[in-house]
Amino acid sequence: MTRILQEAFERVAQLPQEEQNRFARFVLATLKSEQRWAELFAQPESEDLLDRLADETLAAHRAGRTQPLEAVLK
């Protein structure tokens, strides 16, 4: 275990039990999500899909149908 991970666990261990459980559920859900994304990206057809999505996004941008992220977040 790395030093920073050990520090994180020590700090979480000081929290009330329900907050520890909330943190644990969050970490487990994040790990599960990361595993699922890795599995999806490992599939051969995902490269074609990502290429198509990138092409569509660039076409939308060139056609003026996009906004700067800052405008969307306001």
N, C-alpha and C. Protein backbone atom coordinates (compact mmCIF):
# COMPACT_ATOMS: atom_id res chain seq x y z
N MET A 1 0.85 -1.17 0.00
CA MET A 1 0.00 0.00 0.00
C MET A 1 0.90 1.23 0.00
N THR A 2 0.51 2.23 -0.76
CA THR A 2 1.30 3.45 -0.82
C THR A 2 1.09 4.28 0.44
N ARG A 3 2.00 5.19 0.66
CA ARG A 3 1.93 6.07 1.83
C ARG A 3 0.67 6.93 1.81
N ILE A 4 0.35 7.48 0.65
CA ILE A 4 -0.80 8.36 0.57
C ILE A 4 -2.12 7.60 0.74
N LEU A 5 -2.16 6.37 0.24
CA LEU A 5 -3.36 5.56 0.45
C LEU A 5 -3.51 5.20 1.92
N GLN A 6 -2.41 4.88 2.55
CA GLN A 6 -2.44 4.58 3.98
C GLN A 6 -2.94 5.79 4.77
N GLU A 7 -2.46 6.97 4.41
CA GLU A 7 -2.90 8.21 5.08
C GLU A 7 -4.40 8.42 4.88
N ALA A 8 -4.87 8.17 3.67
CA ALA A 8 -6.30 8.35 3.39
C ALA A 8 -7.13 7.40 4.25
N PHE A 9 -6.71 6.14 4.34
CA PHE A 9 -7.45 5.18 5.15
C PHE A 9 -7.42 5.55 6.63
N GLU A 10 -6.29 6.05 7.10
CA GLU A 10 -6.21 6.46 8.50
C GLU A 10 -7.16 7.62 8.79
N ARG A 11 -7.23 8.55 7.86
CA ARG A 11 -8.13 9.70 8.06
C ARG A 11 -9.60 9.27 7.99
N VAL A 12 -9.92 8.39 7.05
CA VAL A 12 -11.29 7.91 6.93
C VAL A 12 -11.67 7.12 8.18
N ALA A 13 -10.73 6.39 8.75
CA ALA A 13 -11.01 5.59 9.94
C ALA A 13 -11.40 6.45 11.14
N GLN A 14 -11.09 7.74 11.09
CA GLN A 14 -11.44 8.65 12.17
C GLN A 14 -12.86 9.21 12.03
N LEU A 15 -13.46 8.99 10.89
CA LEU A 15 -14.82 9.50 10.65
C LEU A 15 -15.85 8.62 11.35
N PRO A 16 -17.05 9.16 11.56
CA PRO A 16 -18.13 8.33 12.10
C PRO A 16 -18.41 7.15 11.16
N GLN A 17 -18.96 6.10 11.70
CA GLN A 17 -19.17 4.85 10.96
C GLN A 17 -19.97 5.06 9.68
N GLU A 18 -21.04 5.85 9.73
CA GLU A 18 -21.85 6.05 8.52
C GLU A 18 -21.05 6.76 7.44
N GLU A 19 -20.21 7.72 7.80
CA GLU A 19 -19.38 8.39 6.80
C GLU A 19 -18.32 7.45 6.24
N GLN A 20 -17.79 6.57 7.07
CA GLN A 20 -16.86 5.56 6.59
C GLN A 20 -17.55 4.66 5.56
N ASN A 21 -18.77 4.25 5.88
CA ASN A 21 -19.52 3.40 4.95
C ASN A 21 -19.82 4.14 3.65
N ARG A 22 -20.17 5.41 3.74
CA ARG A 22 -20.45 6.21 2.55
C ARG A 22 -19.19 6.29 1.68
N PHE A 23 -18.06 6.53 2.33
CA PHE A 23 -16.79 6.60 1.61
C PHE A 23 -16.48 5.25 0.95
N ALA A 24 -16.67 4.18 1.68
CA ALA A 24 -16.39 2.84 1.14
C ALA A 24 -17.29 2.54 -0.05
N ARG A 25 -18.57 2.88 0.05
CA ARG A 25 -19.48 2.65 -1.08
C ARG A 25 -19.05 3.46 -2.30
N PHE A 26 -18.62 4.69 -2.07
CA PHE A 26 -18.15 5.54 -3.16
C PHE A 26 -16.92 4.93 -3.84
N VAL A 27 -15.95 4.49 -3.05
CA VAL A 27 -14.73 3.90 -3.61
C VAL A 27 -15.07 2.63 -4.39
N LEU A 28 -15.89 1.77 -3.82
CA LEU A 28 -16.26 0.53 -4.50
C LEU A 28 -17.01 0.79 -5.80
N ALA A 29 -17.92 1.75 -5.77
CA ALA A 29 -18.67 2.09 -6.99
C ALA A 29 -17.74 2.67 -8.05
N THR A 30 -16.78 3.49 -7.63
CA THR A 30 -15.82 4.06 -8.58
C THR A 30 -14.97 2.97 -9.21
N LEU A 31 -14.49 2.04 -8.39
CA LEU A 31 -13.68 0.94 -8.92
C LEU A 31 -14.49 0.07 -9.88
N LYS A 32 -15.74 -0.18 -9.54
CA LYS A 32 -16.61 -0.98 -10.42
C LYS A 32 -16.83 -0.25 -11.74
N SER A 33 -17.05 1.05 -11.68
CA SER A 33 -17.26 1.85 -12.88
C SER A 33 -16.02 1.84 -13.75
N GLU A 34 -14.86 2.02 -13.14
CA GLU A 34 -13.61 2.00 -13.90
C GLU A 34 -13.40 0.65 -14.58
N GLN A 35 -13.73 -0.43 -13.88
CA GLN A 35 -13.59 -1.76 -14.46
C GLN A 35 -14.53 -1.92 -15.65
N ARG A 36 -15.74 -1.43 -15.51
CA ARG A 36 -16.72 -1.53 -16.60
C ARG A 36 -16.25 -0.74 -17.83
N TRP A 37 -15.74 0.49 -17.60
CA TRP A 37 -15.25 1.28 -18.73
C TRP A 37 -14.07 0.57 -19.40
N ALA A 38 -13.17 0.00 -18.61
CA ALA A 38 -12.03 -0.73 -19.19
C ALA A 38 -12.51 -1.90 -20.04
N GLU A 39 -13.52 -2.61 -19.55
CA GLU A 39 -14.07 -3.73 -20.32
C GLU A 39 -14.71 -3.24 -21.63
N LEU A 40 -15.44 -2.14 -21.55
CA LEU A 40 -16.08 -1.61 -22.75
C LEU A 40 -15.05 -1.14 -23.77
N PHE A 41 -14.01 -0.44 -23.31
CA PHE A 41 -12.99 0.06 -24.23
C PHE A 41 -12.12 -1.06 -24.79
N ALA A 42 -12.09 -2.20 -24.14
CA ALA A 42 -11.31 -3.34 -24.63
C ALA A 42 -12.00 -4.05 -25.78
N GLN A 43 -13.27 -3.81 -25.97
CA GLN A 43 -14.01 -4.47 -27.05
C GLN A 43 -13.62 -3.84 -28.39
N PRO A 44 -13.41 -4.67 -29.39
CA PRO A 44 -12.95 -4.16 -30.70
C PRO A 44 -13.88 -3.09 -31.29
N GLU A 45 -15.18 -3.25 -31.12
CA GLU A 45 -16.12 -2.30 -31.73
C GLU A 45 -16.10 -0.92 -31.06
N SER A 46 -15.53 -0.84 -29.87
CA SER A 46 -15.52 0.46 -29.18
C SER A 46 -14.65 1.47 -29.91
N GLU A 47 -13.58 1.02 -30.54
CA GLU A 47 -12.71 1.95 -31.27
C GLU A 47 -13.47 2.58 -32.42
N ASP A 48 -14.24 1.78 -33.15
CA ASP A 48 -15.04 2.32 -34.25
C ASP A 48 -16.09 3.31 -33.74
N LEU A 49 -16.73 2.95 -32.64
CA LEU A 49 -17.74 3.84 -32.07
C LEU A 49 -17.13 5.16 -31.62
N LEU A 50 -15.99 5.10 -30.95
CA LEU A 50 -15.33 6.33 -30.51
C LEU A 50 -14.88 7.18 -31.70
N ASP A 51 -14.40 6.54 -32.75
CA ASP A 51 -14.03 7.28 -33.96
C ASP A 51 -15.23 7.99 -34.55
N ARG A 52 -16.36 7.29 -34.62
CA ARG A 52 -17.59 7.88 -35.16
C ARG A 52 -18.05 9.05 -34.30
N LEU A 53 -18.03 8.87 -32.97
CA LEU A 53 -18.44 9.95 -32.08
C LEU A 53 -17.53 11.17 -32.21
N ALA A 54 -16.24 10.92 -32.34
CA ALA A 54 -15.29 12.03 -32.52
C ALA A 54 -15.58 12.77 -33.82
N ASP A 55 -15.82 12.02 -34.90
CA ASP A 55 -16.13 12.65 -36.18
C ASP A 55 -17.41 13.49 -36.09
N GLU A 56 -18.43 12.95 -35.44
CA GLU A 56 -19.70 13.69 -35.29
C GLU A 56 -19.48 14.95 -34.45
N THR A 57 -18.69 14.84 -33.42
CA THR A 57 -18.44 16.00 -32.55
C THR A 57 -17.68 17.08 -33.30
N LEU A 58 -16.66 16.69 -34.04
CA LEU A 58 -15.90 17.67 -34.83
C LEU A 58 -16.79 18.33 -35.88
N ALA A 59 -17.65 17.56 -36.51
CA ALA A 59 -18.57 18.13 -37.51
C ALA A 59 -19.52 19.12 -36.86
N ALA A 60 -20.03 18.80 -35.68
CA ALA A 60 -20.92 19.73 -34.97
C ALA A 60 -20.17 21.01 -34.61
N HIS A 61 -18.93 20.87 -34.19
CA HIS A 61 -18.13 22.06 -33.84
C HIS A 61 -17.90 22.93 -35.07
N ARG A 62 -17.51 22.29 -36.16
CA ARG A 62 -17.25 23.05 -37.40
C ARG A 62 -18.52 23.73 -37.92
N ALA A 63 -19.68 23.14 -37.63
CA ALA A 63 -20.96 23.72 -38.08
C ALA A 63 -21.47 24.78 -37.11
N GLY A 64 -20.71 25.04 -36.04
CA GLY A 64 -21.09 26.09 -35.09
C GLY A 64 -22.16 25.64 -34.11
N ARG A 65 -22.32 24.35 -33.91
CA ARG A 65 -23.36 23.86 -32.99
C ARG A 65 -22.81 23.52 -31.61
N THR A 66 -21.64 24.04 -31.26
CA THR A 66 -21.07 23.80 -29.94
C THR A 66 -20.86 25.12 -29.21
N GLN A 67 -20.64 25.03 -27.91
CA GLN A 67 -20.38 26.21 -27.09
C GLN A 67 -19.13 25.95 -26.25
N PRO A 68 -18.42 27.02 -25.88
CA PRO A 68 -17.31 26.82 -24.95
C PRO A 68 -17.84 26.27 -23.63
N LEU A 69 -17.08 25.44 -22.99
CA LEU A 69 -17.50 24.82 -21.74
C LEU A 69 -17.86 25.88 -20.69
N GLU A 70 -17.10 26.96 -20.66
CA GLU A 70 -17.38 28.02 -19.68
C GLU A 70 -18.79 28.57 -19.83
N ALA A 71 -19.28 28.66 -21.05
CA ALA A 71 -20.64 29.17 -21.29
C ALA A 71 -21.68 28.21 -20.79
N VAL A 72 -21.42 26.94 -20.87
CA VAL A 72 -22.37 25.93 -20.44
C VAL A 72 -22.42 25.85 -18.91
N LEU A 73 -21.30 26.08 -18.25
CA LEU A 73 -21.21 25.96 -16.80
C LEU A 73 -21.74 27.16 -16.04
N LYS A 74 -22.00 28.24 -16.73
CA LYS A 74 -22.48 29.47 -16.05
C LYS A 74 -23.91 29.31 -15.60
